[in-house]
Amino acid sequence: MTNLGNLTLSHFEAMQHEQRVTLSESEINTMFKDTMYRVFDQVFEEAKQHSTNMREAAARIGIKRHAEALNYRGLS
């Protein structure tokens, strides 16, 4: 999830650049905090449901999302 934090902040930076908007530090902190809490909750629930650790749960979620994206694009 540490890497996710870095990726999330990079995404916010790219979003600002693409949309030509400037977010305040407070807005970015709020978006970041909301995202990290939401992701933690998703990973925690996945770990509970499958009786596994957080690392494996995060990997399971990532693999599912990747498969969904491939399917959505008709590549599966």
C-alpha atoms as a PDB file:
ATOM      1  CA  MET A   1       0.000   0.000   0.000  1.00  0.00           C
ATOM      2  CA  THR A   2       3.027   2.260   0.345  1.00  0.00           C
ATOM      3  CA  ASN A   3       3.563   2.060  -3.395  1.00  0.00           C
ATOM      4  CA  LEU A   4      -0.130   2.824  -3.879  1.00  0.00           C
ATOM      5  CA  GLY A   5       0.349   6.074  -1.992  1.00  0.00           C
ATOM      6  CA  ASN A   6       3.066   7.181  -4.395  1.00  0.00           C
ATOM      7  CA  LEU A   7       0.999   6.143  -7.412  1.00  0.00           C
ATOM      8  CA  THR A   8      -2.054   7.941  -6.058  1.00  0.00           C
ATOM      9  CA  LEU A   9      -0.181  11.206  -5.612  1.00  0.00           C
ATOM     10  CA  SER A  10       1.287  10.865  -9.117  1.00  0.00           C
ATOM     11  CA  HIS A  11      -2.230  10.308 -10.458  1.00  0.00           C
ATOM     12  CA  PHE A  12      -3.497  13.463  -8.734  1.00  0.00           C
ATOM     13  CA  GLU A  13      -0.565  15.383 -10.221  1.00  0.00           C
ATOM     14  CA  ALA A  14      -1.299  14.084 -13.740  1.00  0.00           C
ATOM     15  CA  MET A  15      -5.008  14.814 -13.298  1.00  0.00           C
ATOM     16  CA  GLN A  16      -4.248  18.426 -12.384  1.00  0.00           C
ATOM     17  CA  HIS A  17      -1.994  18.781 -15.413  1.00  0.00           C
ATOM     18  CA  GLU A  18      -4.496  17.208 -17.832  1.00  0.00           C
ATOM     19  CA  GLN A  19      -7.455  19.201 -16.558  1.00  0.00           C
ATOM     20  CA  ARG A  20      -5.410  22.388 -16.133  1.00  0.00           C
ATOM     21  CA  VAL A  21      -6.603  22.836 -12.567  1.00  0.00           C
ATOM     22  CA  THR A  22      -4.709  23.524  -9.391  1.00  0.00           C
ATOM     23  CA  LEU A  23      -5.784  21.805  -6.216  1.00  0.00           C
ATOM     24  CA  SER A  24      -4.815  23.116  -2.825  1.00  0.00           C
ATOM     25  CA  GLU A  25      -2.687  21.035  -0.507  1.00  0.00           C
ATOM     26  CA  SER A  26      -5.763  20.581   1.664  1.00  0.00           C
ATOM     27  CA  GLU A  27      -7.822  19.253  -1.270  1.00  0.00           C
ATOM     28  CA  ILE A  28      -5.071  16.837  -2.263  1.00  0.00           C
ATOM     29  CA  ASN A  29      -4.659  15.656   1.326  1.00  0.00           C
ATOM     30  CA  THR A  30      -8.408  15.036   1.611  1.00  0.00           C
ATOM     31  CA  MET A  31      -8.564  13.123  -1.701  1.00  0.00           C
ATOM     32  CA  PHE A  32      -5.472  11.129  -0.737  1.00  0.00           C
ATOM     33  CA  LYS A  33      -6.808  10.265   2.706  1.00  0.00           C
ATOM     34  CA  ASP A  34     -10.202   9.221   1.297  1.00  0.00           C
ATOM     35  CA  THR A  35      -8.546   7.044  -1.347  1.00  0.00           C
ATOM     36  CA  MET A  36      -6.195   5.347   1.094  1.00  0.00           C
ATOM     37  CA  TYR A  37      -8.979   4.611   3.601  1.00  0.00           C
ATOM     38  CA  ARG A  38     -11.212   3.202   0.852  1.00  0.00           C
ATOM     39  CA  VAL A  39      -8.441   0.987  -0.521  1.00  0.00           C
ATOM     40  CA  PHE A  40      -7.421  -0.205   2.944  1.00  0.00           C
ATOM     41  CA  ASP A  41     -11.030  -1.176   3.680  1.00  0.00           C
ATOM     42  CA  GLN A  42     -11.284  -3.078   0.378  1.00  0.00           C
ATOM     43  CA  VAL A  43      -8.055  -4.979   1.015  1.00  0.00           C
ATOM     44  CA  PHE A  44      -8.986  -5.691   4.627  1.00  0.00           C
ATOM     45  CA  GLU A  45     -12.379  -7.101   3.586  1.00  0.00           C
ATOM     46  CA  GLU A  46     -10.769  -9.243   0.874  1.00  0.00           C
ATOM     47  CA  ALA A  47      -8.280 -10.600   3.413  1.00  0.00           C
ATOM     48  CA  LYS A  48     -11.092 -11.415   5.860  1.00  0.00           C
ATOM     49  CA  GLN A  49     -13.283 -13.078   3.227  1.00  0.00           C
ATOM     50  CA  HIS A  50     -10.477 -15.321   1.982  1.00  0.00           C
ATOM     51  CA  SER A  51      -8.637 -15.834   5.287  1.00  0.00           C
ATOM     52  CA  THR A  52      -5.405 -14.483   3.897  1.00  0.00           C
ATOM     53  CA  ASN A  53      -2.927 -11.707   4.614  1.00  0.00           C
ATOM     54  CA  MET A  54      -3.208  -8.133   3.371  1.00  0.00           C
ATOM     55  CA  ARG A  55      -0.470  -8.546   0.765  1.00  0.00           C
ATOM     56  CA  GLU A  56      -2.180 -11.506  -0.876  1.00  0.00           C
ATOM     57  CA  ALA A  57      -5.545  -9.764  -0.630  1.00  0.00           C
ATOM     58  CA  ALA A  58      -4.149  -6.696  -2.417  1.00  0.00           C
ATOM     59  CA  ALA A  59      -2.693  -8.939  -5.132  1.00  0.00           C
ATOM     60  CA  ARG A  60      -6.043 -10.725  -5.538  1.00  0.00           C
ATOM     61  CA  ILE A  61      -7.832  -7.403  -5.979  1.00  0.00           C
ATOM     62  CA  GLY A  62      -5.246  -6.211  -8.487  1.00  0.00           C
ATOM     63  CA  ILE A  63      -5.525  -9.390 -10.531  1.00  0.00           C
ATOM     64  CA  LYS A  64      -9.320  -9.177 -10.528  1.00  0.00           C
ATOM     65  CA  ARG A  65      -9.242  -5.562 -11.674  1.00  0.00           C
ATOM     66  CA  HIS A  66      -6.724  -6.357 -14.395  1.00  0.00           C
ATOM     67  CA  ALA A  67      -8.908  -9.218 -15.648  1.00  0.00           C
ATOM     68  CA  GLU A  68     -11.975  -6.952 -15.611  1.00  0.00           C
ATOM     69  CA  ALA A  69     -10.125  -4.314 -17.625  1.00  0.00           C
ATOM     70  CA  LEU A  70      -9.003  -6.888 -20.205  1.00  0.00           C
ATOM     71  CA  ASN A  71     -12.545  -8.243 -20.453  1.00  0.00           C
ATOM     72  CA  TYR A  72     -13.977  -4.726 -20.801  1.00  0.00           C
ATOM     73  CA  ARG A  73     -11.628  -4.087 -23.723  1.00  0.00           C
ATOM     74  CA  GLY A  74     -12.465  -7.439 -25.295  1.00  0.00           C
ATOM     75  CA  LEU A  75      -8.942  -8.760 -24.801  1.00  0.00           C
ATOM     76  CA  SER A  76      -9.684 -11.751 -22.589  1.00  0.00           C
END
